[in-house]
Amino acid sequence: MSGVLVKNGKSAHVSPYTEQEFDQRFQPLAEQWQAQDKTGLEMRFSLGKLLNEHIGPPTTRTKRGQGVVAKVSESLKTNKFEVSRVRNFANKFKSIADFVEQHPGVTTWSAVKELLPRLKSQEEGRGDGTKAGSGNEGAMKDPTPKKMEHHLKRFSEELLVVRCFLGREELENLKCRINGILEQVQFYQFQLAGALAAQARLEDSNIQPHFLAR
């Protein structure tokens, strides 16, 4: 059974499998992936569960985990975003039977991909601190204009890769979030323009602002 090892105050996921054991369990699933034309939900759930047991839940990110995901993606001839969805799928439910019971009408992988963002939104709406594997592991700890530019560039590059895998609802959700960010930028721009205009008027009047006089 997988677990967590704490050493020198740091925790690390412990896999219940050796690399050879993992490969032995992975190969039949990889064969099913090809045989079922990448649509089998039970196979995807089993693959996600196997990966999560081996490298930890999708809410964590490690170099070892990234290496395993890259290897699996190459073997399946897919990309890491699709593998990430498989891991998130397995992380949301106790079993495939649990998933079927909760969502009997969701019978295709395309439908599951549209369902996952809704589940994530519901968890965030509870305000209980629940985190899902959303790719937010690389969030900025010390935001600066340069770092913001770096993250925007990275987002644009990843969007080019993943765009063909996004469902209609995912695209609409992404559009709403981007529009929300754009509104904030426009608001801050408006505030800055107003502050600069006010400062210019004060300087023209040779009146020093009280907050500058301190």
N, C-alpha and C. Protein backbone atom coordinates (compact mmCIF):
# COMPACT_ATOMS: atom_id res chain seq x y z
N MET A 1 0.83 -1.19 0.00
CA MET A 1 0.00 0.00 0.00
C MET A 1 0.87 1.25 0.00
N SER A 2 0.43 2.28 -0.76
CA SER A 2 1.21 3.51 -0.82
C SER A 2 1.07 4.28 0.48
N GLY A 3 2.01 5.17 0.74
CA GLY A 3 1.97 5.96 1.97
C GLY A 3 2.85 7.17 1.85
N VAL A 4 3.08 7.83 2.98
CA VAL A 4 3.89 9.04 3.01
C VAL A 4 5.03 8.84 4.00
N LEU A 5 6.24 9.11 3.55
CA LEU A 5 7.42 9.02 4.40
C LEU A 5 7.86 10.42 4.80
N VAL A 6 8.03 10.63 6.09
CA VAL A 6 8.48 11.93 6.60
C VAL A 6 9.93 11.80 7.02
N LYS A 7 10.79 12.63 6.42
CA LYS A 7 12.21 12.59 6.72
C LYS A 7 12.75 14.01 6.76
N ASN A 8 13.40 14.37 7.88
CA ASN A 8 13.94 15.72 8.06
C ASN A 8 12.87 16.80 7.88
N GLY A 9 11.68 16.50 8.35
CA GLY A 9 10.58 17.47 8.28
C GLY A 9 9.92 17.56 6.93
N LYS A 10 10.35 16.74 5.96
CA LYS A 10 9.77 16.79 4.62
C LYS A 10 9.06 15.46 4.33
N SER A 11 7.93 15.54 3.65
CA SER A 11 7.17 14.35 3.33
C SER A 11 7.41 13.94 1.88
N ALA A 12 7.37 12.65 1.64
CA ALA A 12 7.56 12.12 0.30
C ALA A 12 6.64 10.92 0.11
N HIS A 13 6.07 10.80 -1.07
CA HIS A 13 5.18 9.68 -1.36
C HIS A 13 5.99 8.38 -1.49
N VAL A 14 5.46 7.31 -0.94
CA VAL A 14 6.11 6.01 -1.02
C VAL A 14 5.24 5.09 -1.89
N SER A 15 5.80 4.64 -3.00
CA SER A 15 5.06 3.77 -3.91
C SER A 15 5.01 2.34 -3.38
N PRO A 16 3.88 1.66 -3.56
CA PRO A 16 3.81 0.26 -3.15
C PRO A 16 4.44 -0.67 -4.18
N TYR A 17 4.87 -0.10 -5.31
CA TYR A 17 5.41 -0.90 -6.40
C TYR A 17 6.89 -0.57 -6.66
N THR A 18 7.62 -1.59 -7.08
CA THR A 18 8.93 -1.34 -7.66
C THR A 18 8.68 -0.87 -9.10
N GLU A 19 9.72 -0.38 -9.76
CA GLU A 19 9.54 0.06 -11.14
C GLU A 19 9.13 -1.10 -12.03
N GLN A 20 9.67 -2.28 -11.76
CA GLN A 20 9.31 -3.45 -12.55
C GLN A 20 7.85 -3.83 -12.33
N GLU A 21 7.40 -3.78 -11.07
CA GLU A 21 5.99 -4.10 -10.77
C GLU A 21 5.05 -3.09 -11.41
N PHE A 22 5.46 -1.83 -11.39
CA PHE A 22 4.63 -0.80 -12.03
C PHE A 22 4.52 -1.08 -13.52
N ASP A 23 5.63 -1.39 -14.17
CA ASP A 23 5.63 -1.66 -15.61
C ASP A 23 4.74 -2.86 -15.93
N GLN A 24 4.79 -3.88 -15.08
CA GLN A 24 3.97 -5.08 -15.30
C GLN A 24 2.48 -4.75 -15.23
N ARG A 25 2.10 -3.85 -14.35
CA ARG A 25 0.70 -3.45 -14.23
C ARG A 25 0.30 -2.46 -15.32
N PHE A 26 1.26 -1.68 -15.75
CA PHE A 26 0.97 -0.64 -16.75
C PHE A 26 0.78 -1.22 -18.15
N GLN A 27 1.57 -2.22 -18.53
CA GLN A 27 1.55 -2.74 -19.90
C GLN A 27 0.17 -3.22 -20.36
N PRO A 28 -0.57 -4.00 -19.55
CA PRO A 28 -1.91 -4.43 -19.99
C PRO A 28 -2.85 -3.24 -20.21
N LEU A 29 -2.72 -2.20 -19.38
CA LEU A 29 -3.56 -1.03 -19.53
C LEU A 29 -3.19 -0.26 -20.80
N ALA A 30 -1.90 -0.21 -21.10
CA ALA A 30 -1.45 0.45 -22.32
C ALA A 30 -1.99 -0.27 -23.55
N GLU A 31 -2.03 -1.60 -23.49
CA GLU A 31 -2.57 -2.38 -24.61
C GLU A 31 -4.07 -2.12 -24.75
N GLN A 32 -4.79 -2.04 -23.64
CA GLN A 32 -6.21 -1.73 -23.68
C GLN A 32 -6.45 -0.33 -24.22
N TRP A 33 -5.56 0.60 -23.87
CA TRP A 33 -5.66 1.98 -24.35
C TRP A 33 -5.73 2.00 -25.88
N GLN A 34 -4.85 1.24 -26.51
CA GLN A 34 -4.82 1.18 -27.97
C GLN A 34 -6.01 0.39 -28.52
N ALA A 35 -6.32 -0.73 -27.88
CA ALA A 35 -7.39 -1.59 -28.38
C ALA A 35 -8.76 -0.92 -28.30
N GLN A 36 -8.98 -0.12 -27.24
CA GLN A 36 -10.27 0.53 -27.06
C GLN A 36 -10.31 1.92 -27.68
N ASP A 37 -9.28 2.21 -28.48
CA ASP A 37 -9.22 3.50 -29.16
C ASP A 37 -9.32 4.65 -28.17
N LYS A 38 -8.73 4.45 -26.99
CA LYS A 38 -8.60 5.50 -25.98
C LYS A 38 -9.94 5.98 -25.40
N THR A 39 -10.97 5.15 -25.42
CA THR A 39 -12.27 5.61 -24.93
C THR A 39 -12.75 4.89 -23.68
N GLY A 40 -12.13 3.76 -23.30
CA GLY A 40 -12.63 2.98 -22.17
C GLY A 40 -12.51 3.69 -20.85
N LEU A 41 -13.63 3.92 -20.16
CA LEU A 41 -13.60 4.65 -18.90
C LEU A 41 -13.00 3.79 -17.78
N GLU A 42 -13.34 2.50 -17.74
CA GLU A 42 -12.82 1.64 -16.68
C GLU A 42 -11.30 1.53 -16.79
N MET A 43 -10.81 1.41 -18.04
CA MET A 43 -9.37 1.33 -18.26
C MET A 43 -8.69 2.62 -17.83
N ARG A 44 -9.29 3.76 -18.15
CA ARG A 44 -8.72 5.05 -17.78
C ARG A 44 -8.68 5.22 -16.26
N PHE A 45 -9.76 4.80 -15.61
CA PHE A 45 -9.80 4.91 -14.15
C PHE A 45 -8.70 4.04 -13.53
N SER A 46 -8.54 2.82 -14.04
CA SER A 46 -7.51 1.92 -13.52
C SER A 46 -6.11 2.49 -13.74
N LEU A 47 -5.92 3.11 -14.90
CA LEU A 47 -4.62 3.72 -15.19
C LEU A 47 -4.35 4.89 -14.25
N GLY A 48 -5.36 5.73 -14.05
CA GLY A 48 -5.19 6.87 -13.15
C GLY A 48 -4.92 6.42 -11.72
N LYS A 49 -5.63 5.38 -11.29
CA LYS A 49 -5.42 4.86 -9.93
C LYS A 49 -4.01 4.30 -9.77
N LEU A 50 -3.55 3.57 -10.79
CA LEU A 50 -2.20 3.00 -10.75
C LEU A 50 -1.15 4.10 -10.65
N LEU A 51 -1.30 5.12 -11.45
CA LEU A 51 -0.35 6.24 -11.43
C LEU A 51 -0.36 6.96 -10.08
N ASN A 52 -1.55 7.20 -9.55
CA ASN A 52 -1.65 7.90 -8.27
C ASN A 52 -1.06 7.08 -7.12
N GLU A 53 -1.22 5.77 -7.20
CA GLU A 53 -0.61 4.91 -6.18
C GLU A 53 0.91 4.93 -6.29
N HIS A 54 1.39 5.03 -7.52
CA HIS A 54 2.82 4.93 -7.76
C HIS A 54 3.57 6.24 -7.49
N ILE A 55 2.97 7.39 -7.88
CA ILE A 55 3.69 8.67 -7.75
C ILE A 55 2.99 9.68 -6.86
N GLY A 56 1.84 9.29 -6.28
CA GLY A 56 1.14 10.21 -5.39
C GLY A 56 -0.04 10.87 -6.09
N PRO A 57 -0.89 11.55 -5.35
CA PRO A 57 -2.09 12.18 -5.91
C PRO A 57 -1.73 13.32 -6.87
N PRO A 58 -2.65 13.66 -7.78
CA PRO A 58 -2.37 14.73 -8.75
C PRO A 58 -2.30 16.12 -8.13
N THR A 59 -2.62 16.23 -6.85
CA THR A 59 -2.52 17.52 -6.16
C THR A 59 -1.09 17.85 -5.77
N THR A 60 -0.19 16.89 -5.93
CA THR A 60 1.24 17.11 -5.64
C THR A 60 2.04 16.98 -6.92
N ARG A 61 3.21 17.59 -6.91
CA ARG A 61 4.04 17.57 -8.11
C ARG A 61 5.50 17.38 -7.71
N THR A 62 6.11 16.33 -8.25
CA THR A 62 7.51 16.04 -7.95
C THR A 62 8.25 15.75 -9.26
N LYS A 63 9.57 15.86 -9.21
CA LYS A 63 10.37 15.57 -10.40
C LYS A 63 10.20 14.11 -10.81
N ARG A 64 10.16 13.23 -9.80
CA ARG A 64 9.97 11.81 -10.12
C ARG A 64 8.63 11.59 -10.78
N GLY A 65 7.60 12.21 -10.25
CA GLY A 65 6.26 12.07 -10.83
C GLY A 65 6.20 12.59 -12.26
N GLN A 66 6.84 13.73 -12.50
CA GLN A 66 6.87 14.29 -13.84
C GLN A 66 7.57 13.36 -14.81
N GLY A 67 8.62 12.70 -14.32
CA GLY A 67 9.34 11.76 -15.17
C GLY A 67 8.49 10.56 -15.54
N VAL A 68 7.74 10.04 -14.57
CA VAL A 68 6.87 8.89 -14.83
C VAL A 68 5.76 9.28 -15.80
N VAL A 69 5.15 10.46 -15.58
CA VAL A 69 4.08 10.93 -16.47
C VAL A 69 4.60 11.11 -17.89
N ALA A 70 5.80 11.65 -18.04
CA ALA A 70 6.39 11.83 -19.37
C ALA A 70 6.60 10.48 -20.05
N LYS A 71 7.08 9.50 -19.29
CA LYS A 71 7.31 8.16 -19.84
C LYS A 71 6.00 7.51 -20.25
N VAL A 72 4.98 7.63 -19.42
CA VAL A 72 3.67 7.06 -19.72
C VAL A 72 3.04 7.74 -20.93
N SER A 73 3.15 9.06 -20.99
CA SER A 73 2.59 9.81 -22.12
C SER A 73 3.22 9.35 -23.43
N GLU A 74 4.53 9.17 -23.41
CA GLU A 74 5.24 8.73 -24.62
C GLU A 74 4.79 7.32 -25.01
N SER A 75 4.65 6.45 -24.03
CA SER A 75 4.25 5.07 -24.31
C SER A 75 2.84 5.00 -24.89
N LEU A 76 1.95 5.86 -24.38
CA LEU A 76 0.55 5.86 -24.85
C LEU A 76 0.36 6.71 -26.10
N LYS A 77 1.43 7.41 -26.51
CA LYS A 77 1.37 8.31 -27.67
C LYS A 77 0.30 9.39 -27.46
N THR A 78 0.34 9.97 -26.27
CA THR A 78 -0.56 11.08 -25.94
C THR A 78 0.27 12.14 -25.25
N ASN A 79 -0.38 13.14 -24.63
CA ASN A 79 0.37 14.19 -23.95
C ASN A 79 0.09 14.17 -22.45
N LYS A 80 0.87 14.93 -21.71
CA LYS A 80 0.79 14.90 -20.25
C LYS A 80 -0.53 15.45 -19.73
N PHE A 81 -1.20 16.30 -20.52
CA PHE A 81 -2.48 16.85 -20.07
C PHE A 81 -3.56 15.76 -20.06
N GLU A 82 -3.51 14.88 -21.04
CA GLU A 82 -4.46 13.78 -21.06
C GLU A 82 -4.20 12.81 -19.91
N VAL A 83 -2.94 12.55 -19.63
CA VAL A 83 -2.58 11.69 -18.50
C VAL A 83 -3.00 12.35 -17.18
N SER A 84 -2.87 13.67 -17.11
CA SER A 84 -3.29 14.41 -15.92
C SER A 84 -4.79 14.26 -15.70
N ARG A 85 -5.57 14.30 -16.77
CA ARG A 85 -7.02 14.13 -16.64
C ARG A 85 -7.35 12.73 -16.12
N VAL A 86 -6.64 11.74 -16.61
CA VAL A 86 -6.86 10.37 -16.15
C VAL A 86 -6.59 10.27 -14.65
N ARG A 87 -5.53 10.91 -14.19
CA ARG A 87 -5.20 10.89 -12.76
C ARG A 87 -6.26 11.63 -11.94
N ASN A 88 -6.73 12.77 -12.44
CA ASN A 88 -7.77 13.51 -11.74
C ASN A 88 -9.07 12.72 -11.68
N PHE A 89 -9.38 12.03 -12.77
CA PHE A 89 -10.58 11.18 -12.83
C PHE A 89 -10.54 10.15 -11.71
N ALA A 90 -9.42 9.45 -11.58
CA ALA A 90 -9.28 8.41 -10.55
C ALA A 90 -9.24 9.00 -9.14
N ASN A 91 -8.80 10.24 -9.04
CA ASN A 91 -8.68 10.88 -7.73
C ASN A 91 -10.02 11.38 -7.19
N LYS A 92 -11.00 11.56 -8.08
CA LYS A 92 -12.29 12.12 -7.68
C LYS A 92 -13.24 11.08 -7.09
N PHE A 93 -13.02 9.80 -7.40
CA PHE A 93 -13.96 8.77 -7.01
C PHE A 93 -13.25 7.59 -6.36
N LYS A 94 -13.97 6.91 -5.47
CA LYS A 94 -13.38 5.77 -4.75
C LYS A 94 -13.16 4.60 -5.69
N SER A 95 -14.07 4.44 -6.65
CA SER A 95 -13.98 3.33 -7.59
C SER A 95 -14.76 3.70 -8.84
N ILE A 96 -14.63 2.88 -9.88
CA ILE A 96 -15.39 3.12 -11.10
C ILE A 96 -16.88 2.92 -10.83
N ALA A 97 -17.20 2.00 -9.91
CA ALA A 97 -18.60 1.77 -9.54
C ALA A 97 -19.17 3.01 -8.84
N ASP A 98 -18.36 3.65 -8.02
CA ASP A 98 -18.77 4.88 -7.35
C ASP A 98 -19.04 5.98 -8.37
N PHE A 99 -18.20 6.07 -9.37
CA PHE A 99 -18.40 7.07 -10.44
C PHE A 99 -19.70 6.81 -11.19
N VAL A 100 -19.94 5.55 -11.58
CA VAL A 100 -21.15 5.20 -12.33
C VAL A 100 -22.40 5.49 -11.52
N GLU A 101 -22.33 5.22 -10.21
CA GLU A 101 -23.48 5.48 -9.35
C GLU A 101 -23.79 6.98 -9.26
N GLN A 102 -22.75 7.79 -9.17
CA GLN A 102 -22.95 9.24 -9.05
C GLN A 102 -23.29 9.91 -10.37
N HIS A 103 -22.76 9.36 -11.47
CA HIS A 103 -22.97 9.99 -12.78
C HIS A 103 -23.33 8.94 -13.82
N PRO A 104 -24.52 8.34 -13.69
CA PRO A 104 -24.90 7.25 -14.61
C PRO A 104 -25.03 7.70 -16.07
N GLY A 105 -25.26 8.99 -16.29
CA GLY A 105 -25.43 9.47 -17.65
C GLY A 105 -24.13 9.80 -18.36
N VAL A 106 -23.03 9.78 -17.63
CA VAL A 106 -21.72 10.10 -18.21
C VAL A 106 -21.06 8.80 -18.64
N THR A 107 -21.08 8.52 -19.93
CA THR A 107 -20.63 7.21 -20.41
C THR A 107 -19.47 7.28 -21.40
N THR A 108 -19.00 8.47 -21.74
CA THR A 108 -17.88 8.60 -22.68
C THR A 108 -16.78 9.44 -22.05
N TRP A 109 -15.57 9.31 -22.58
CA TRP A 109 -14.45 10.08 -22.06
C TRP A 109 -14.63 11.56 -22.34
N SER A 110 -15.22 11.90 -23.47
CA SER A 110 -15.49 13.31 -23.77
C SER A 110 -16.41 13.92 -22.73
N ALA A 111 -17.41 13.15 -22.29
CA ALA A 111 -18.33 13.63 -21.26
C ALA A 111 -17.63 13.77 -19.92
N VAL A 112 -16.71 12.84 -19.62
CA VAL A 112 -15.95 12.93 -18.37
C VAL A 112 -15.09 14.18 -18.37
N LYS A 113 -14.47 14.50 -19.50
CA LYS A 113 -13.62 15.69 -19.59
C LYS A 113 -14.42 16.96 -19.35
N GLU A 114 -15.68 16.96 -19.74
CA GLU A 114 -16.53 18.12 -19.47
C GLU A 114 -16.99 18.13 -18.01
N LEU A 115 -17.08 16.95 -17.41
CA LEU A 115 -17.53 16.84 -16.01
C LEU A 115 -16.46 17.29 -15.03
N LEU A 116 -15.20 16.96 -15.27
CA LEU A 116 -14.13 17.23 -14.31
C LEU A 116 -14.01 18.70 -13.91
N PRO A 117 -14.08 19.67 -14.85
CA PRO A 117 -14.01 21.07 -14.43
C PRO A 117 -15.19 21.48 -13.53
N ARG A 118 -16.36 20.88 -13.76
CA ARG A 118 -17.52 21.20 -12.91
C ARG A 118 -17.30 20.69 -11.49
N LEU A 119 -16.73 19.50 -11.38
CA LEU A 119 -16.43 18.95 -10.05
C LEU A 119 -15.43 19.82 -9.32
N LYS A 120 -14.43 20.30 -10.04
CA LYS A 120 -13.42 21.18 -9.46
C LYS A 120 -14.06 22.49 -8.98
N SER A 121 -14.96 23.05 -9.80
CA SER A 121 -15.63 24.30 -9.43
C SER A 121 -16.49 24.11 -8.19
N GLN A 122 -17.16 22.96 -8.09
CA GLN A 122 -18.00 22.67 -6.92
C GLN A 122 -17.15 22.59 -5.65
N GLU A 123 -15.98 21.96 -5.75
CA GLU A 123 -15.10 21.85 -4.59
C GLU A 123 -14.58 23.21 -4.16
N GLU A 124 -14.22 24.05 -5.13
CA GLU A 124 -13.73 25.39 -4.81
C GLU A 124 -14.84 26.22 -4.20
N GLY A 125 -16.08 25.98 -4.64
CA GLY A 125 -17.21 26.75 -4.13
C GLY A 125 -17.56 26.42 -2.70
N ARG A 126 -17.13 25.22 -2.21
CA ARG A 126 -17.41 24.86 -0.82
C ARG A 126 -16.59 25.66 0.15
N GLY A 127 -15.45 26.17 -0.33
CA GLY A 127 -14.60 26.96 0.55
C GLY A 127 -13.98 26.16 1.67
N ASP A 128 -13.78 24.84 1.43
CA ASP A 128 -13.22 24.00 2.49
C ASP A 128 -11.74 23.73 2.29
N GLY A 129 -11.16 24.47 1.36
CA GLY A 129 -9.73 24.31 1.14
C GLY A 129 -9.38 23.12 0.28
N THR A 130 -10.39 22.45 -0.31
CA THR A 130 -10.11 21.31 -1.15
C THR A 130 -9.32 21.72 -2.37
N LYS A 131 -8.30 20.96 -2.68
CA LYS A 131 -7.50 21.26 -3.86
C LYS A 131 -7.58 20.10 -4.83
N ALA A 132 -7.71 20.42 -6.10
CA ALA A 132 -7.70 19.39 -7.13
C ALA A 132 -6.46 19.56 -7.97
N GLY A 133 -6.11 18.54 -8.71
CA GLY A 133 -4.95 18.63 -9.58
C GLY A 133 -5.23 19.53 -10.75
N SER A 134 -5.05 20.78 -10.63
CA SER A 134 -5.43 21.76 -11.60
C SER A 134 -4.31 22.39 -12.36
N GLY A 135 -3.05 21.90 -12.04
CA GLY A 135 -1.93 22.53 -12.69
C GLY A 135 -1.53 23.81 -12.01
N ASN A 136 -2.09 24.05 -10.82
CA ASN A 136 -1.78 25.28 -10.11
C ASN A 136 -0.60 25.10 -9.17
N GLU A 137 0.09 23.94 -9.29
CA GLU A 137 1.20 23.67 -8.38
C GLU A 137 2.32 24.66 -8.56
N GLY A 138 2.37 25.27 -9.75
CA GLY A 138 3.46 26.20 -10.03
C GLY A 138 3.07 27.64 -9.80
N ALA A 139 2.07 27.89 -8.97
CA ALA A 139 1.61 29.25 -8.73
C ALA A 139 2.73 30.10 -8.16
N MET A 140 2.69 31.40 -8.48
CA MET A 140 3.76 32.31 -8.06
C MET A 140 3.77 32.51 -6.56
N LYS A 141 4.93 32.37 -5.93
CA LYS A 141 5.06 32.64 -4.51
C LYS A 141 5.51 34.08 -4.28
N ASP A 142 6.21 34.65 -5.24
CA ASP A 142 6.71 36.01 -5.12
C ASP A 142 6.42 36.74 -6.43
N PRO A 143 5.17 37.17 -6.65
CA PRO A 143 4.79 37.74 -7.94
C PRO A 143 5.51 39.04 -8.26
N THR A 144 6.03 39.13 -9.46
CA THR A 144 6.64 40.34 -9.99
C THR A 144 6.20 40.44 -11.43
N PRO A 145 6.30 41.65 -12.04
CA PRO A 145 5.92 41.77 -13.46
C PRO A 145 6.64 40.77 -14.35
N LYS A 146 7.92 40.52 -14.07
CA LYS A 146 8.68 39.58 -14.90
C LYS A 146 8.14 38.16 -14.75
N LYS A 147 7.81 37.77 -13.50
CA LYS A 147 7.28 36.43 -13.28
C LYS A 147 5.88 36.29 -13.89
N MET A 148 5.10 37.36 -13.82
CA MET A 148 3.77 37.32 -14.43
C MET A 148 3.88 37.10 -15.93
N GLU A 149 4.83 37.77 -16.55
CA GLU A 149 5.04 37.60 -17.98
C GLU A 149 5.46 36.17 -18.30
N HIS A 150 6.32 35.61 -17.45
CA HIS A 150 6.77 34.23 -17.63
C HIS A 150 5.60 33.26 -17.56
N HIS A 151 4.71 33.44 -16.57
CA HIS A 151 3.58 32.54 -16.41
C HIS A 151 2.58 32.69 -17.55
N LEU A 152 2.38 33.91 -18.03
CA LEU A 152 1.48 34.11 -19.16
C LEU A 152 2.02 33.44 -20.42
N LYS A 153 3.33 33.53 -20.62
CA LYS A 153 3.96 32.88 -21.78
C LYS A 153 3.80 31.37 -21.68
N ARG A 154 4.01 30.84 -20.47
CA ARG A 154 3.89 29.40 -20.27
C ARG A 154 2.44 28.96 -20.49
N PHE A 155 1.49 29.77 -20.02
CA PHE A 155 0.07 29.45 -20.22
C PHE A 155 -0.25 29.40 -21.71
N SER A 156 0.24 30.37 -22.47
CA SER A 156 -0.02 30.41 -23.91
C SER A 156 0.55 29.18 -24.61
N GLU A 157 1.75 28.77 -24.21
CA GLU A 157 2.39 27.60 -24.82
C GLU A 157 1.61 26.33 -24.50
N GLU A 158 1.16 26.19 -23.25
CA GLU A 158 0.42 25.00 -22.85
C GLU A 158 -0.96 24.97 -23.50
N LEU A 159 -1.56 26.14 -23.70
CA LEU A 159 -2.87 26.20 -24.34
C LEU A 159 -2.79 25.70 -25.78
N LEU A 160 -1.69 26.00 -26.47
CA LEU A 160 -1.51 25.53 -27.84
C LEU A 160 -1.47 24.00 -27.89
N VAL A 161 -0.92 23.39 -26.84
CA VAL A 161 -0.80 21.93 -26.80
C VAL A 161 -2.13 21.28 -26.45
N VAL A 162 -2.84 21.85 -25.49
CA VAL A 162 -4.02 21.20 -24.93
C VAL A 162 -5.33 21.60 -25.61
N ARG A 163 -5.30 22.60 -26.49
CA ARG A 163 -6.55 23.16 -27.02
C ARG A 163 -7.44 22.13 -27.71
N CYS A 164 -6.84 21.17 -28.40
CA CYS A 164 -7.64 20.19 -29.12
C CYS A 164 -8.30 19.18 -28.18
N PHE A 165 -7.91 19.17 -26.90
CA PHE A 165 -8.49 18.24 -25.94
C PHE A 165 -9.55 18.91 -25.05
N LEU A 166 -9.74 20.22 -25.24
CA LEU A 166 -10.70 20.94 -24.41
C LEU A 166 -12.12 20.75 -24.93
N GLY A 167 -13.05 20.44 -24.01
CA GLY A 167 -14.45 20.33 -24.38
C GLY A 167 -15.10 21.70 -24.44
N ARG A 168 -16.34 21.73 -24.89
CA ARG A 168 -17.05 23.00 -25.03
C ARG A 168 -17.19 23.73 -23.70
N GLU A 169 -17.54 22.99 -22.65
CA GLU A 169 -17.72 23.61 -21.34
C GLU A 169 -16.39 24.09 -20.76
N GLU A 170 -15.33 23.32 -21.01
CA GLU A 170 -14.00 23.73 -20.54
C GLU A 170 -13.56 25.02 -21.22
N LEU A 171 -13.83 25.11 -22.52
CA LEU A 171 -13.48 26.32 -23.26
C LEU A 171 -14.27 27.53 -22.75
N GLU A 172 -15.55 27.32 -22.46
CA GLU A 172 -16.38 28.42 -21.97
C GLU A 172 -15.92 28.87 -20.60
N ASN A 173 -15.56 27.90 -19.75
CA ASN A 173 -15.05 28.22 -18.42
C ASN A 173 -13.73 28.98 -18.50
N LEU A 174 -12.86 28.55 -19.42
CA LEU A 174 -11.58 29.22 -19.63
C LEU A 174 -11.80 30.64 -20.12
N LYS A 175 -12.73 30.81 -21.04
CA LYS A 175 -13.04 32.14 -21.58
C LYS A 175 -13.52 33.08 -20.48
N CYS A 176 -14.39 32.58 -19.59
CA CYS A 176 -14.91 33.40 -18.50
C CYS A 176 -13.79 33.83 -17.55
N ARG A 177 -12.87 32.92 -17.26
CA ARG A 177 -11.78 33.24 -16.33
C ARG A 177 -10.83 34.26 -16.95
N ILE A 178 -10.56 34.11 -18.26
CA ILE A 178 -9.69 35.06 -18.94
C ILE A 178 -10.35 36.43 -18.99
N ASN A 179 -11.66 36.46 -19.27
CA ASN A 179 -12.38 37.74 -19.29
C ASN A 179 -12.36 38.40 -17.91
N GLY A 180 -12.43 37.57 -16.85
CA GLY A 180 -12.37 38.13 -15.50
C GLY A 180 -11.02 38.77 -15.22
N ILE A 181 -9.95 38.12 -15.68
CA ILE A 181 -8.61 38.69 -15.51
C ILE A 181 -8.49 39.98 -16.31
N LEU A 182 -9.02 39.99 -17.54
CA LEU A 182 -8.96 41.18 -18.39
C LEU A 182 -9.69 42.36 -17.74
N GLU A 183 -10.84 42.08 -17.12
CA GLU A 183 -11.58 43.14 -16.44
C GLU A 183 -10.77 43.73 -15.29
N GLN A 184 -10.05 42.87 -14.56
CA GLN A 184 -9.22 43.37 -13.46
C GLN A 184 -8.09 44.25 -13.99
N VAL A 185 -7.46 43.80 -15.07
CA VAL A 185 -6.37 44.59 -15.66
C VAL A 185 -6.89 45.95 -16.12
N GLN A 186 -8.05 45.96 -16.75
CA GLN A 186 -8.63 47.23 -17.22
C GLN A 186 -8.98 48.14 -16.05
N PHE A 187 -9.46 47.55 -14.95
CA PHE A 187 -9.80 48.34 -13.77
C PHE A 187 -8.55 48.97 -13.16
N TYR A 188 -7.48 48.16 -13.03
CA TYR A 188 -6.23 48.69 -12.47
C TYR A 188 -5.63 49.75 -13.39
N GLN A 189 -5.79 49.55 -14.69
CA GLN A 189 -5.30 50.54 -15.66
C GLN A 189 -6.04 51.86 -15.50
N PHE A 190 -7.35 51.75 -15.29
CA PHE A 190 -8.17 52.94 -15.07
C PHE A 190 -7.76 53.65 -13.78
N GLN A 191 -7.52 52.87 -12.73
CA GLN A 191 -7.09 53.45 -11.46
C GLN A 191 -5.75 54.17 -11.61
N LEU A 192 -4.81 53.53 -12.30
CA LEU A 192 -3.49 54.11 -12.50
C LEU A 192 -3.57 55.41 -13.29
N ALA A 193 -4.38 55.39 -14.34
CA ALA A 193 -4.53 56.59 -15.16
C ALA A 193 -5.11 57.73 -14.33
N GLY A 194 -6.08 57.42 -13.47
CA GLY A 194 -6.68 58.45 -12.62
C GLY A 194 -5.68 58.99 -11.61
N ALA A 195 -4.87 58.09 -11.02
CA ALA A 195 -3.88 58.52 -10.04
C ALA A 195 -2.82 59.40 -10.68
N LEU A 196 -2.38 59.03 -11.88
CA LEU A 196 -1.36 59.82 -12.57
C LEU A 196 -1.90 61.18 -12.96
N ALA A 197 -3.16 61.22 -13.40
CA ALA A 197 -3.78 62.50 -13.78
C ALA A 197 -3.91 63.41 -12.56
N ALA A 198 -4.30 62.82 -11.42
CA ALA A 198 -4.46 63.61 -10.20
C ALA A 198 -3.11 64.16 -9.73
N GLN A 199 -2.06 63.32 -9.84
CA GLN A 199 -0.74 63.76 -9.43
C GLN A 199 -0.23 64.89 -10.33
N ALA A 200 -0.51 64.77 -11.63
CA ALA A 200 -0.08 65.80 -12.57
C ALA A 200 -0.76 67.13 -12.26
N ARG A 201 -2.03 67.09 -11.89
CA ARG A 201 -2.75 68.33 -11.56
C ARG A 201 -2.17 68.97 -10.31
N LEU A 202 -1.84 68.12 -9.33
CA LEU A 202 -1.26 68.65 -8.10
C LEU A 202 0.11 69.28 -8.35
N GLU A 203 0.90 68.63 -9.19
CA GLU A 203 2.22 69.17 -9.50
C GLU A 203 2.12 70.49 -10.26
N ASP A 204 1.13 70.59 -11.15
CA ASP A 204 0.93 71.84 -11.89
C ASP A 204 0.52 72.98 -10.95
N SER A 205 -0.15 72.60 -9.88
CA SER A 205 -0.61 73.60 -8.91
C SER A 205 0.41 73.83 -7.81
N ASN A 206 1.58 73.16 -7.92
CA ASN A 206 2.63 73.25 -6.90
C ASN A 206 2.12 72.87 -5.52
N ILE A 207 1.21 71.86 -5.51
CA ILE A 207 0.67 71.37 -4.24
C ILE A 207 1.20 69.96 -4.04
N GLN A 208 1.90 69.77 -2.95
CA GLN A 208 2.45 68.46 -2.69
C GLN A 208 1.41 67.56 -2.02
N PRO A 209 1.18 66.38 -2.55
CA PRO A 209 0.20 65.48 -1.94
C PRO A 209 0.58 65.16 -0.50
N HIS A 210 -0.43 65.05 0.36
CA HIS A 210 -0.13 64.81 1.76
C HIS A 210 0.57 63.48 2.00
N PHE A 211 0.30 62.47 1.12
CA PHE A 211 0.95 61.20 1.33
C PHE A 211 2.38 61.20 0.86
N LEU A 212 2.78 62.27 0.10
CA LEU A 212 4.17 62.41 -0.31
C LEU A 212 4.96 63.29 0.65
N ALA A 213 4.21 64.03 1.47
CA ALA A 213 4.83 64.97 2.39
C ALA A 213 5.28 64.31 3.68
N ARG A 214 4.93 63.04 3.83
CA ARG A 214 5.30 62.37 5.08
C ARG A 214 6.80 62.10 5.15
